[in-house]
Amino acid sequence: KWGFIAYPERQTDFDHKRWLYETVGKRHVVCEMTDLSHQ
C-alpha cells in the first residue's frame, strides 16, 4: 500500500528516477516533485 513521492514523467531520465520507478513497480505514486530536496 506504499504510495510514492516520485518525479514527473516528462522530466529528463537519470539514475535516481529510473531506480525509483523500478522500485515503485505497480504501486501508485501519491505525488510528483522535480527536486530531491523537495521530495
Full PDB file with SEQRES, HELIX, SHEET, SSBOND, CRYST1, ORIGX, SCALE, CONECT and MASTER records, all heavy atoms in Angstrom:
SEQRES   1 A   39  LYS TRP GLY PHE ILE ALA TYR PRO GLU ARG GLN THR ASP          
SEQRES   2 A   39  PHE ASP HIS LYS ARG TRP LEU TYR GLU THR VAL GLY LYS          
SEQRES   3 A   39  ARG HIS VAL VAL CYS GLU MET THR ASP LEU SER HIS GLN          
HELIX    1 AA1 ASP A   15  VAL A   24  1                                  10    
SHEET    1 AA1 2 PHE A   4  ALA A   6  0                                        
SHEET    2 AA1 2 VAL A  29  GLU A  32  1                                        
CRYST1    1.000    1.000    1.000  90.00  90.00  90.00 P 1           1          
ORIGX1      1.000000  0.000000  0.000000        0.00000                         
ORIGX2      0.000000  1.000000  0.000000        0.00000                         
ORIGX3      0.000000  0.000000  1.000000        0.00000                         
SCALE1      1.000000  0.000000  0.000000        0.00000                         
SCALE2      0.000000  1.000000  0.000000        0.00000                         
SCALE3      0.000000  0.000000  1.000000        0.00000                         
ATOM      1  N   LYS A   1       0.810  -1.216   0.000  1.00  0.00           N  
ATOM      2  CA  LYS A   1       0.000   0.000   0.000  1.00  0.00           C  
ATOM      3  C   LYS A   1       0.846   1.270   0.000  1.00  0.00           C  
ATOM      4  O   LYS A   1       0.292   2.376   0.094  1.00  0.00           O  
ATOM      5  CB  LYS A   1      -0.939  -0.002   1.205  1.00  0.00           C  
ATOM      6  CG  LYS A   1      -1.990  -1.097   1.172  1.00  0.00           C  
ATOM      7  CD  LYS A   1      -2.933  -0.967   2.358  1.00  0.00           C  
ATOM      8  CE  LYS A   1      -4.010  -2.063   2.327  1.00  0.00           C  
ATOM      9  NZ  LYS A   1      -4.931  -1.932   3.481  1.00  0.00           N  
ATOM     10  N   TRP A   2       2.156   1.140  -0.093  1.00  0.00           N  
ATOM     11  CA  TRP A   2       3.001   2.326  -0.098  1.00  0.00           C  
ATOM     12  C   TRP A   2       2.660   3.230  -1.280  1.00  0.00           C  
ATOM     13  O   TRP A   2       2.575   2.768  -2.429  1.00  0.00           O  
ATOM     14  CB  TRP A   2       4.476   1.929  -0.175  1.00  0.00           C  
ATOM     15  CG  TRP A   2       5.015   1.355   1.108  1.00  0.00           C  
ATOM     16  CD1 TRP A   2       4.410   1.356   2.334  1.00  0.00           C  
ATOM     17  CD2 TRP A   2       6.276   0.699   1.281  1.00  0.00           C  
ATOM     18  NE1 TRP A   2       5.214   0.747   3.276  1.00  0.00           N  
ATOM     19  CE2 TRP A   2       6.372   0.322   2.653  1.00  0.00           C  
ATOM     20  CE3 TRP A   2       7.319   0.378   0.430  1.00  0.00           C  
ATOM     21  CZ2 TRP A   2       7.470  -0.343   3.173  1.00  0.00           C  
ATOM     22  CZ3 TRP A   2       8.427  -0.288   0.939  1.00  0.00           C  
ATOM     23  CH2 TRP A   2       8.498  -0.647   2.299  1.00  0.00           C  
ATOM     24  N   GLY A   3       2.487   4.495  -0.997  1.00  0.00           N  
ATOM     25  CA  GLY A   3       2.330   5.495  -2.045  1.00  0.00           C  
ATOM     26  C   GLY A   3       3.610   6.299  -2.137  1.00  0.00           C  
ATOM     27  O   GLY A   3       4.131   6.771  -1.122  1.00  0.00           O  
ATOM     28  N   PHE A   4       4.151   6.467  -3.348  1.00  0.00           N  
ATOM     29  CA  PHE A   4       5.500   7.018  -3.515  1.00  0.00           C  
ATOM     30  C   PHE A   4       5.506   8.485  -3.934  1.00  0.00           C  
ATOM     31  O   PHE A   4       4.598   8.967  -4.618  1.00  0.00           O  
ATOM     32  CB  PHE A   4       6.269   6.190  -4.541  1.00  0.00           C  
ATOM     33  CG  PHE A   4       6.729   4.863  -4.029  1.00  0.00           C  
ATOM     34  CD1 PHE A   4       5.853   3.776  -3.976  1.00  0.00           C  
ATOM     35  CD2 PHE A   4       8.011   4.692  -3.559  1.00  0.00           C  
ATOM     36  CE1 PHE A   4       6.274   2.546  -3.492  1.00  0.00           C  
ATOM     37  CE2 PHE A   4       8.445   3.470  -3.064  1.00  0.00           C  
ATOM     38  CZ  PHE A   4       7.571   2.400  -3.030  1.00  0.00           C  
ATOM     39  N   ILE A   5       6.551   9.150  -3.509  1.00  0.00           N  
ATOM     40  CA  ILE A   5       6.849  10.510  -3.965  1.00  0.00           C  
ATOM     41  C   ILE A   5       7.868  10.355  -5.093  1.00  0.00           C  
ATOM     42  O   ILE A   5       8.968   9.840  -4.876  1.00  0.00           O  
ATOM     43  CB  ILE A   5       7.438  11.348  -2.817  1.00  0.00           C  
ATOM     44  CG1 ILE A   5       6.469  11.368  -1.626  1.00  0.00           C  
ATOM     45  CG2 ILE A   5       7.751  12.762  -3.285  1.00  0.00           C  
ATOM     46  CD1 ILE A   5       7.115  11.807  -0.327  1.00  0.00           C  
ATOM     47  N   ALA A   6       7.497  10.776  -6.280  1.00  0.00           N  
ATOM     48  CA  ALA A   6       8.332  10.491  -7.454  1.00  0.00           C  
ATOM     49  C   ALA A   6       8.512  11.751  -8.306  1.00  0.00           C  
ATOM     50  O   ALA A   6       8.148  12.860  -7.900  1.00  0.00           O  
ATOM     51  CB  ALA A   6       7.703   9.365  -8.270  1.00  0.00           C  
ATOM     52  N   TYR A   7       9.114  11.549  -9.485  1.00  0.00           N  
ATOM     53  CA  TYR A   7       9.370  12.637 -10.425  1.00  0.00           C  
ATOM     54  C   TYR A   7       8.286  12.672 -11.505  1.00  0.00           C  
ATOM     55  O   TYR A   7       7.720  11.635 -11.856  1.00  0.00           O  
ATOM     56  CB  TYR A   7      10.722  12.435 -11.121  1.00  0.00           C  
ATOM     57  CG  TYR A   7      11.918  12.524 -10.207  1.00  0.00           C  
ATOM     58  CD1 TYR A   7      12.491  11.376  -9.669  1.00  0.00           C  
ATOM     59  CD2 TYR A   7      12.486  13.753  -9.893  1.00  0.00           C  
ATOM     60  CE1 TYR A   7      13.601  11.450  -8.837  1.00  0.00           C  
ATOM     61  CE2 TYR A   7      13.597  13.838  -9.068  1.00  0.00           C  
ATOM     62  CZ  TYR A   7      14.146  12.690  -8.539  1.00  0.00           C  
ATOM     63  OH  TYR A   7      15.230  12.775  -7.719  1.00  0.00           O  
ATOM     64  N   PRO A   8       8.009  13.849 -12.084  1.00  0.00           N  
ATOM     65  CA  PRO A   8       7.108  13.910 -13.241  1.00  0.00           C  
ATOM     66  C   PRO A   8       7.664  13.082 -14.397  1.00  0.00           C  
ATOM     67  O   PRO A   8       8.884  13.055 -14.609  1.00  0.00           O  
ATOM     68  CB  PRO A   8       7.080  15.398 -13.590  1.00  0.00           C  
ATOM     69  CG  PRO A   8       7.495  16.098 -12.340  1.00  0.00           C  
ATOM     70  CD  PRO A   8       8.472  15.181 -11.660  1.00  0.00           C  
ATOM     71  N   GLU A   9       6.806  12.433 -15.129  1.00  0.00           N  
ATOM     72  CA  GLU A   9       7.253  11.573 -16.226  1.00  0.00           C  
ATOM     73  C   GLU A   9       7.999  12.350 -17.297  1.00  0.00           C  
ATOM     74  O   GLU A   9       8.911  11.826 -17.942  1.00  0.00           O  
ATOM     75  CB  GLU A   9       6.059  10.840 -16.844  1.00  0.00           C  
ATOM     76  CG  GLU A   9       5.476   9.756 -15.945  1.00  0.00           C  
ATOM     77  CD  GLU A   9       4.421   8.928 -16.650  1.00  0.00           C  
ATOM     78  OE1 GLU A   9       4.292   9.054 -17.889  1.00  0.00           O  
ATOM     79  OE2 GLU A   9       3.718   8.166 -15.973  1.00  0.00           O  
ATOM     80  N   ARG A  10       7.620  13.595 -17.520  1.00  0.00           N  
ATOM     81  CA  ARG A  10       8.254  14.391 -18.577  1.00  0.00           C  
ATOM     82  C   ARG A  10       9.666  14.846 -18.214  1.00  0.00           C  
ATOM     83  O   ARG A  10      10.410  15.328 -19.069  1.00  0.00           O  
ATOM     84  CB  ARG A  10       7.400  15.607 -18.916  1.00  0.00           C  
ATOM     85  CG  ARG A  10       7.299  16.627 -17.788  1.00  0.00           C  
ATOM     86  CD  ARG A  10       6.448  17.811 -18.216  1.00  0.00           C  
ATOM     87  NE  ARG A  10       6.393  18.829 -17.181  1.00  0.00           N  
ATOM     88  CZ  ARG A  10       5.757  19.992 -17.311  1.00  0.00           C  
ATOM     89  NH1 ARG A  10       5.135  20.267 -18.433  1.00  0.00           N  
ATOM     90  NH2 ARG A  10       5.757  20.872 -16.324  1.00  0.00           N  
ATOM     91  N   GLN A  11      10.049  14.691 -16.943  1.00  0.00           N  
ATOM     92  CA  GLN A  11      11.386  15.102 -16.516  1.00  0.00           C  
ATOM     93  C   GLN A  11      12.441  14.194 -17.132  1.00  0.00           C  
ATOM     94  O   GLN A  11      12.243  12.994 -17.301  1.00  0.00           O  
ATOM     95  CB  GLN A  11      11.485  15.064 -14.993  1.00  0.00           C  
ATOM     96  CG  GLN A  11      12.700  15.785 -14.435  1.00  0.00           C  
ATOM     97  CD  GLN A  11      12.593  15.983 -12.932  1.00  0.00           C  
ATOM     98  OE1 GLN A  11      11.563  15.713 -12.331  1.00  0.00           O  
ATOM     99  NE2 GLN A  11      13.663  16.467 -12.316  1.00  0.00           N  
ATOM    100  N   THR A  12      13.579  14.773 -17.463  1.00  0.00           N  
ATOM    101  CA  THR A  12      14.669  14.030 -18.091  1.00  0.00           C  
ATOM    102  C   THR A  12      15.038  12.792 -17.286  1.00  0.00           C  
ATOM    103  O   THR A  12      15.056  12.820 -16.060  1.00  0.00           O  
ATOM    104  CB  THR A  12      15.911  14.938 -18.226  1.00  0.00           C  
ATOM    105  OG1 THR A  12      15.543  16.119 -18.914  1.00  0.00           O  
ATOM    106  CG2 THR A  12      17.018  14.232 -19.002  1.00  0.00           C  
ATOM    107  N   ASP A  13      15.369  11.707 -18.005  1.00  0.00           N  
ATOM    108  CA  ASP A  13      15.717  10.441 -17.356  1.00  0.00           C  
ATOM    109  C   ASP A  13      17.104  10.523 -16.714  1.00  0.00           C  
ATOM    110  O   ASP A  13      18.023  11.117 -17.269  1.00  0.00           O  
ATOM    111  CB  ASP A  13      15.685   9.323 -18.399  1.00  0.00           C  
ATOM    112  CG  ASP A  13      15.606   7.955 -17.758  1.00  0.00           C  
ATOM    113  OD1 ASP A  13      15.046   7.856 -16.658  1.00  0.00           O  
ATOM    114  OD2 ASP A  13      16.102   6.991 -18.362  1.00  0.00           O  
ATOM    115  N   PHE A  14      17.250   9.940 -15.519  1.00  0.00           N  
ATOM    116  CA  PHE A  14      18.543   9.870 -14.838  1.00  0.00           C  
ATOM    117  C   PHE A  14      18.495   8.728 -13.832  1.00  0.00           C  
ATOM    118  O   PHE A  14      17.438   8.113 -13.609  1.00  0.00           O  
ATOM    119  CB  PHE A  14      18.902  11.203 -14.168  1.00  0.00           C  
ATOM    120  CG  PHE A  14      17.809  11.773 -13.303  1.00  0.00           C  
ATOM    121  CD1 PHE A  14      17.765  11.533 -11.944  1.00  0.00           C  
ATOM    122  CD2 PHE A  14      16.814  12.563 -13.875  1.00  0.00           C  
ATOM    123  CE1 PHE A  14      16.761  12.055 -11.153  1.00  0.00           C  
ATOM    124  CE2 PHE A  14      15.796  13.092 -13.093  1.00  0.00           C  
ATOM    125  CZ  PHE A  14      15.762  12.832 -11.730  1.00  0.00           C  
ATOM    126  N   ASP A  15      19.647   8.418 -13.221  1.00  0.00           N  
ATOM    127  CA  ASP A  15      19.779   7.204 -12.406  1.00  0.00           C  
ATOM    128  C   ASP A  15      18.748   7.109 -11.286  1.00  0.00           C  
ATOM    129  O   ASP A  15      18.114   6.077 -11.106  1.00  0.00           O  
ATOM    130  CB  ASP A  15      21.193   7.124 -11.796  1.00  0.00           C  
ATOM    131  CG  ASP A  15      22.256   6.835 -12.831  1.00  0.00           C  
ATOM    132  OD1 ASP A  15      21.904   6.239 -13.869  1.00  0.00           O  
ATOM    133  OD2 ASP A  15      23.426   7.190 -12.606  1.00  0.00           O  
ATOM    134  N   HIS A  16      18.602   8.180 -10.513  1.00  0.00           N  
ATOM    135  CA  HIS A  16      17.687   8.122  -9.374  1.00  0.00           C  
ATOM    136  C   HIS A  16      16.239   7.946  -9.828  1.00  0.00           C  
ATOM    137  O   HIS A  16      15.479   7.182  -9.213  1.00  0.00           O  
ATOM    138  CB  HIS A  16      17.813   9.393  -8.529  1.00  0.00           C  
ATOM    139  CG  HIS A  16      16.979   9.368  -7.284  1.00  0.00           C  
ATOM    140  ND1 HIS A  16      15.844  10.124  -7.152  1.00  0.00           N  
ATOM    141  CD2 HIS A  16      17.107   8.666  -6.126  1.00  0.00           C  
ATOM    142  CE1 HIS A  16      15.296   9.896  -5.959  1.00  0.00           C  
ATOM    143  NE2 HIS A  16      16.042   9.021  -5.316  1.00  0.00           N  
ATOM    144  N   LYS A  17      15.850   8.610 -10.892  1.00  0.00           N  
ATOM    145  CA  LYS A  17      14.479   8.486 -11.401  1.00  0.00           C  
ATOM    146  C   LYS A  17      14.214   7.069 -11.897  1.00  0.00           C  
ATOM    147  O   LYS A  17      13.165   6.483 -11.597  1.00  0.00           O  
ATOM    148  CB  LYS A  17      14.241   9.501 -12.509  1.00  0.00           C  
ATOM    149  CG  LYS A  17      12.813   9.454 -13.061  1.00  0.00           C  
ATOM    150  CD  LYS A  17      12.613  10.435 -14.198  1.00  0.00           C  
ATOM    151  CE  LYS A  17      11.204  10.312 -14.770  1.00  0.00           C  
ATOM    152  NZ  LYS A  17      10.984  11.210 -15.911  1.00  0.00           N  
ATOM    153  N   ARG A  18      15.173   6.489 -12.642  1.00  0.00           N  
ATOM    154  CA  ARG A  18      14.988   5.127 -13.152  1.00  0.00           C  
ATOM    155  C   ARG A  18      14.851   4.127 -12.006  1.00  0.00           C  
ATOM    156  O   ARG A  18      13.951   3.286 -12.005  1.00  0.00           O  
ATOM    157  CB  ARG A  18      16.168   4.729 -14.050  1.00  0.00           C  
ATOM    158  CG  ARG A  18      16.149   5.361 -15.421  1.00  0.00           C  
ATOM    159  CD  ARG A  18      17.133   4.670 -16.357  1.00  0.00           C  
ATOM    160  NE  ARG A  18      18.494   4.757 -15.869  1.00  0.00           N  
ATOM    161  CZ  ARG A  18      19.309   5.771 -16.147  1.00  0.00           C  
ATOM    162  NH1 ARG A  18      18.890   6.776 -16.906  1.00  0.00           N  
ATOM    163  NH2 ARG A  18      20.540   5.799 -15.671  1.00  0.00           N  
ATOM    164  N   TRP A  19      15.744   4.236 -11.027  1.00  0.00           N  
ATOM    165  CA  TRP A  19      15.688   3.313  -9.882  1.00  0.00           C  
ATOM    166  C   TRP A  19      14.374   3.465  -9.118  1.00  0.00           C  
ATOM    167  O   TRP A  19      13.751   2.476  -8.725  1.00  0.00           O  
ATOM    168  CB  TRP A  19      16.866   3.577  -8.945  1.00  0.00           C  
ATOM    169  CG  TRP A  19      16.703   2.930  -7.607  1.00  0.00           C  
ATOM    170  CD1 TRP A  19      16.838   1.609  -7.293  1.00  0.00           C  
ATOM    171  CD2 TRP A  19      16.331   3.587  -6.384  1.00  0.00           C  
ATOM    172  NE1 TRP A  19      16.587   1.392  -5.959  1.00  0.00           N  
ATOM    173  CE2 TRP A  19      16.269   2.585  -5.376  1.00  0.00           C  
ATOM    174  CE3 TRP A  19      16.053   4.913  -6.036  1.00  0.00           C  
ATOM    175  CZ2 TRP A  19      15.945   2.886  -4.054  1.00  0.00           C  
ATOM    176  CZ3 TRP A  19      15.728   5.207  -4.726  1.00  0.00           C  
ATOM    177  CH2 TRP A  19      15.680   4.198  -3.754  1.00  0.00           C  
ATOM    178  N   LEU A  20      13.951   4.706  -8.933  1.00  0.00           N  
ATOM    179  CA  LEU A  20      12.737   4.958  -8.154  1.00  0.00           C  
ATOM    180  C   LEU A  20      11.516   4.327  -8.813  1.00  0.00           C  
ATOM    181  O   LEU A  20      10.707   3.664  -8.150  1.00  0.00           O  
ATOM    182  CB  LEU A  20      12.541   6.457  -7.976  1.00  0.00           C  
ATOM    183  CG  LEU A  20      11.413   6.898  -7.035  1.00  0.00           C  
ATOM    184  CD1 LEU A  20      11.608   6.304  -5.654  1.00  0.00           C  
ATOM    185  CD2 LEU A  20      11.351   8.416  -6.962  1.00  0.00           C  
ATOM    186  N   TYR A  21      11.392   4.487 -10.132  1.00  0.00           N  
ATOM    187  CA  TYR A  21      10.221   3.927 -10.805  1.00  0.00           C  
ATOM    188  C   TYR A  21      10.289   2.398 -10.892  1.00  0.00           C  
ATOM    189  O   TYR A  21       9.251   1.727 -10.893  1.00  0.00           O  
ATOM    190  CB  TYR A  21      10.038   4.563 -12.180  1.00  0.00           C  
ATOM    191  CG  TYR A  21       9.247   5.855 -12.099  1.00  0.00           C  
ATOM    192  CD1 TYR A  21       9.892   7.091 -12.140  1.00  0.00           C  
ATOM    193  CD2 TYR A  21       7.872   5.837 -11.939  1.00  0.00           C  
ATOM    194  CE1 TYR A  21       9.175   8.274 -12.032  1.00  0.00           C  
ATOM    195  CE2 TYR A  21       7.143   7.015 -11.841  1.00  0.00           C  
ATOM    196  CZ  TYR A  21       7.797   8.228 -11.889  1.00  0.00           C  
ATOM    197  OH  TYR A  21       7.086   9.399 -11.774  1.00  0.00           O  
ATOM    198  N   GLU A  22      11.497   1.846 -10.955  1.00  0.00           N  
ATOM    199  CA  GLU A  22      11.626   0.385 -10.871  1.00  0.00           C  
ATOM    200  C   GLU A  22      11.183  -0.108  -9.495  1.00  0.00           C  
ATOM    201  O   GLU A  22      10.567  -1.163  -9.359  1.00  0.00           O  
ATOM    202  CB  GLU A  22      13.076  -0.025 -11.135  1.00  0.00           C  
ATOM    203  CG  GLU A  22      13.504   0.109 -12.584  1.00  0.00           C  
ATOM    204  CD  GLU A  22      14.993  -0.114 -12.768  1.00  0.00           C  
ATOM    205  OE1 GLU A  22      15.676  -0.431 -11.756  1.00  0.00           O  
ATOM    206  OE2 GLU A  22      15.481   0.031 -13.906  1.00  0.00           O  
ATOM    207  N   THR A  23      11.477   0.667  -8.460  1.00  0.00           N  
ATOM    208  CA  THR A  23      11.091   0.317  -7.099  1.00  0.00           C  
ATOM    209  C   THR A  23       9.584   0.449  -6.897  1.00  0.00           C  
ATOM    210  O   THR A  23       8.956  -0.372  -6.229  1.00  0.00           O  
ATOM    211  CB  THR A  23      11.834   1.212  -6.088  1.00  0.00           C  
ATOM    212  OG1 THR A  23      13.249   1.079  -6.281  1.00  0.00           O  
ATOM    213  CG2 THR A  23      11.492   0.840  -4.657  1.00  0.00           C  
ATOM    214  N   VAL A  24       9.008   1.485  -7.479  1.00  0.00           N  
ATOM    215  CA  VAL A  24       7.561   1.690  -7.366  1.00  0.00           C  
ATOM    216  C   VAL A  24       6.798   0.510  -7.969  1.00  0.00           C  
ATOM    217  O   VAL A  24       5.846   0.000  -7.375  1.00  0.00           O  
ATOM    218  CB  VAL A  24       7.144   3.009  -8.053  1.00  0.00           C  
ATOM    219  CG1 VAL A  24       5.619   3.117  -8.107  1.00  0.00           C  
ATOM    220  CG2 VAL A  24       7.736   4.209  -7.333  1.00  0.00           C  
ATOM    221  N   GLY A  25       7.242   0.058  -9.142  1.00  0.00           N  
ATOM    222  CA  GLY A  25       6.576  -1.060  -9.799  1.00  0.00           C  
ATOM    223  C   GLY A  25       5.120  -0.758 -10.088  1.00  0.00           C  
ATOM    224  O   GLY A  25       4.776   0.262 -10.690  1.00  0.00           O  
ATOM    225  N   LYS A  26       4.227  -1.614  -9.626  1.00  0.00           N  
ATOM    226  CA  LYS A  26       2.787  -1.452  -9.875  1.00  0.00           C  
ATOM    227  C   LYS A  26       2.090  -0.643  -8.783  1.00  0.00           C  
ATOM    228  O   LYS A  26       0.876  -0.430  -8.840  1.00  0.00           O  
ATOM    229  CB  LYS A  26       2.128  -2.823 -10.011  1.00  0.00           C  
ATOM    230  CG  LYS A  26       2.610  -3.608 -11.232  1.00  0.00           C  
ATOM    231  CD  LYS A  26       1.887  -4.936 -11.337  1.00  0.00           C  
ATOM    232  CE  LYS A  26       2.359  -5.704 -12.572  1.00  0.00           C  
ATOM    233  NZ  LYS A  26       1.666  -7.015 -12.707  1.00  0.00           N  
ATOM    234  N   ARG A  27       2.849  -0.232  -7.776  1.00  0.00           N  
ATOM    235  CA  ARG A  27       2.261   0.584  -6.731  1.00  0.00           C  
ATOM    236  C   ARG A  27       2.033   2.017  -7.236  1.00  0.00           C  
ATOM    237  O   ARG A  27       2.539   2.402  -8.287  1.00  0.00           O  
ATOM    238  CB  ARG A  27       3.144   0.555  -5.485  1.00  0.00           C  
ATOM    239  CG  ARG A  27       3.170  -0.818  -4.809  1.00  0.00           C  
ATOM    240  CD  ARG A  27       4.187  -0.928  -3.697  1.00  0.00           C  
ATOM    241  NE  ARG A  27       5.560  -0.930  -4.179  1.00  0.00           N  
ATOM    242  CZ  ARG A  27       6.609  -1.254  -3.424  1.00  0.00           C  
ATOM    243  NH1 ARG A  27       6.436  -1.581  -2.150  1.00  0.00           N  
ATOM    244  NH2 ARG A  27       7.825  -1.235  -3.925  1.00  0.00           N  
ATOM    245  N   HIS A  28       1.285   2.791  -6.496  1.00  0.00           N  
ATOM    246  CA  HIS A  28       0.883   4.096  -7.019  1.00  0.00           C  
ATOM    247  C   HIS A  28       1.828   5.207  -6.558  1.00  0.00           C  
ATOM    248  O   HIS A  28       2.545   5.068  -5.554  1.00  0.00           O  
ATOM    249  CB  HIS A  28      -0.559   4.424  -6.616  1.00  0.00           C  
ATOM    250  CG  HIS A  28      -0.735   4.799  -5.182  1.00  0.00           C  
ATOM    251  ND1 HIS A  28      -0.683   3.883  -4.151  1.00  0.00           N  
ATOM    252  CD2 HIS A  28      -0.959   6.017  -4.589  1.00  0.00           C  
ATOM    253  CE1 HIS A  28      -0.883   4.486  -3.011  1.00  0.00           C  
ATOM    254  NE2 HIS A  28      -1.049   5.777  -3.231  1.00  0.00           N  
ATOM    255  N   VAL A  29       1.828   6.290  -7.314  1.00  0.00           N  
ATOM    256  CA  VAL A  29       2.582   7.498  -6.985  1.00  0.00           C  
ATOM    257  C   VAL A  29       1.599   8.496  -6.391  1.00  0.00           C  
ATOM    258  O   VAL A  29       0.622   8.878  -7.042  1.00  0.00           O  
ATOM    259  CB  VAL A  29       3.270   8.077  -8.233  1.00  0.00           C  
ATOM    260  CG1 VAL A  29       3.884   9.441  -7.924  1.00  0.00           C  
ATOM    261  CG2 VAL A  29       4.332   7.120  -8.754  1.00  0.00           C  
ATOM    262  N   VAL A  30       1.878   8.928  -5.168  1.00  0.00           N  
ATOM    263  CA  VAL A  30       0.941   9.818  -4.487  1.00  0.00           C  
ATOM    264  C   VAL A  30       1.156  11.275  -4.873  1.00  0.00           C  
ATOM    265  O   VAL A  30       0.221  12.077  -4.890  1.00  0.00           O  
ATOM    266  CB  VAL A  30       1.039   9.639  -2.952  1.00  0.00           C  
ATOM    267  CG1 VAL A  30       2.383  10.085  -2.421  1.00  0.00           C  
ATOM    268  CG2 VAL A  30      -0.087  10.364  -2.240  1.00  0.00           C  
ATOM    269  N   CYS A  31       2.408  11.637  -5.217  1.00  0.00           N  
ATOM    270  CA  CYS A  31       2.683  12.998  -5.683  1.00  0.00           C  
ATOM    271  C   CYS A  31       4.010  13.010  -6.435  1.00  0.00           C  
ATOM    272  O   CYS A  31       4.819  12.088  -6.317  1.00  0.00           O  
ATOM    273  CB  CYS A  31       2.703  14.001  -4.533  1.00  0.00           C  
ATOM    274  SG  CYS A  31       4.053  13.773  -3.353  1.00  0.00           S  
ATOM    275  N   GLU A  32       4.212  14.059  -7.228  1.00  0.00           N  
ATOM    276  CA  GLU A  32       5.426  14.199  -8.041  1.00  0.00           C  
ATOM    277  C   GLU A  32       6.113  15.527  -7.710  1.00  0.00           C  
ATOM    278  O   GLU A  32       5.446  16.558  -7.591  1.00  0.00           O  
ATOM    279  CB  GLU A  32       5.086  14.160  -9.526  1.00  0.00           C  
ATOM    280  CG  GLU A  32       4.480  12.846  -9.989  1.00  0.00           C  
ATOM    281  CD  GLU A  32       4.063  12.864 -11.438  1.00  0.00           C  
ATOM    282  OE1 GLU A  32       3.795  13.972 -11.970  1.00  0.00           O  
ATOM    283  OE2 GLU A  32       3.997  11.776 -12.043  1.00  0.00           O  
ATOM    284  N   MET A  33       7.437  15.487  -7.596  1.00  0.00           N  
ATOM    285  CA  MET A  33       8.219  16.692  -7.332  1.00  0.00           C  
ATOM    286  C   MET A  33       9.522  16.590  -8.120  1.00  0.00           C  
ATOM    287  O   MET A  33      10.145  15.526  -8.180  1.00  0.00           O  
ATOM    288  CB  MET A  33       8.495  16.859  -5.838  1.00  0.00           C  
ATOM    289  CG  MET A  33       7.256  16.748  -4.975  1.00  0.00           C  
ATOM    290  SD  MET A  33       7.480  17.331  -3.279  1.00  0.00           S  
ATOM    291  CE  MET A  33       7.232  19.086  -3.502  1.00  0.00           C  
ATOM    292  N   THR A  34       9.946  17.694  -8.723  1.00  0.00           N  
ATOM    293  CA  THR A  34      11.098  17.667  -9.616  1.00  0.00           C  
ATOM    294  C   THR A  34      12.439  17.687  -8.903  1.00  0.00           C  
ATOM    295  O   THR A  34      13.463  17.390  -9.498  1.00  0.00           O  
ATOM    296  CB  THR A  34      11.066  18.868 -10.581  1.00  0.00           C  
ATOM    297  OG1 THR A  34      11.069  20.083  -9.816  1.00  0.00           O  
ATOM    298  CG2 THR A  34       9.828  18.836 -11.462  1.00  0.00           C  
ATOM    299  N   ASP A  35      12.452  18.036  -7.607  1.00  0.00           N  
ATOM    300  CA  ASP A  35      13.709  18.208  -6.886  1.00  0.00           C  
ATOM    301  C   ASP A  35      13.784  17.226  -5.718  1.00  0.00           C  
ATOM    302  O   ASP A  35      12.814  17.049  -4.967  1.00  0.00           O  
ATOM    303  CB  ASP A  35      13.819  19.647  -6.373  1.00  0.00           C  
ATOM    304  CG  ASP A  35      15.148  19.918  -5.691  1.00  0.00           C  
ATOM    305  OD1 ASP A  35      16.122  20.190  -6.408  1.00  0.00           O  
ATOM    306  OD2 ASP A  35      15.210  19.826  -4.455  1.00  0.00           O  
ATOM    307  N   LEU A  36      14.937  16.583  -5.549  1.00  0.00           N  
ATOM    308  CA  LEU A  36      15.110  15.577  -4.499  1.00  0.00           C  
ATOM    309  C   LEU A  36      14.968  16.180  -3.104  1.00  0.00           C  
ATOM    310  O   LEU A  36      14.424  15.540  -2.197  1.00  0.00           O  
ATOM    311  CB  LEU A  36      16.473  14.903  -4.657  1.00  0.00           C  
ATOM    312  CG  LEU A  36      16.807  13.751  -3.706  1.00  0.00           C  
ATOM    313  CD1 LEU A  36      15.734  12.672  -3.734  1.00  0.00           C  
ATOM    314  CD2 LEU A  36      18.164  13.148  -4.077  1.00  0.00           C  
ATOM    315  N   SER A  37      15.424  17.394  -2.903  1.00  0.00           N  
ATOM    316  CA  SER A  37      15.278  18.043  -1.604  1.00  0.00           C  
ATOM    317  C   SER A  37      13.808  18.278  -1.269  1.00  0.00           C  
ATOM    318  O   SER A  37      13.390  18.167  -0.112  1.00  0.00           O  
ATOM    319  CB  SER A  37      16.036  19.380  -1.583  1.00  0.00           C  
ATOM    320  OG  SER A  37      17.427  19.169  -1.665  1.00  0.00           O  
ATOM    321  N   HIS A  38      13.008  18.577  -2.276  1.00  0.00           N  
ATOM    322  CA  HIS A  38      11.574  18.757  -2.065  1.00  0.00           C  
ATOM    323  C   HIS A  38      10.911  17.416  -1.747  1.00  0.00           C  
ATOM    324  O   HIS A  38       9.989  17.358  -0.913  1.00  0.00           O  
ATOM    325  CB  HIS A  38      10.930  19.390  -3.300  1.00  0.00           C  
ATOM    326  CG  HIS A  38      11.444  20.755  -3.607  1.00  0.00           C  
ATOM    327  ND1 HIS A  38      11.295  21.350  -4.844  1.00  0.00           N  
ATOM    328  CD2 HIS A  38      12.135  21.648  -2.842  1.00  0.00           C  
ATOM    329  CE1 HIS A  38      11.850  22.548  -4.827  1.00  0.00           C  
ATOM    330  NE2 HIS A  38      12.377  22.747  -3.620  1.00  0.00           N  
ATOM    331  N   GLN A  39      11.369  16.352  -2.388  1.00  0.00           N  
ATOM    332  CA  GLN A  39      10.846  15.021  -2.079  1.00  0.00           C  
ATOM    333  C   GLN A  39      11.149  14.654  -0.623  1.00  0.00           C  
ATOM    334  O   GLN A  39      10.322  14.044   0.062  1.00  0.00           O  
ATOM    335  CB  GLN A  39      11.445  13.987  -3.030  1.00  0.00           C  
ATOM    336  CG  GLN A  39      11.005  14.147  -4.473  1.00  0.00           C  
ATOM    337  CD  GLN A  39      11.662  13.147  -5.401  1.00  0.00           C  
ATOM    338  OE1 GLN A  39      12.321  12.206  -4.958  1.00  0.00           O  
ATOM    339  NE2 GLN A  39      11.489  13.338  -6.706  1.00  0.00           N  
TER     340      GLN A  39                                                      
MASTER        0    0    0    1    2    0    0    6  339    1    0    3          
END                                                                             
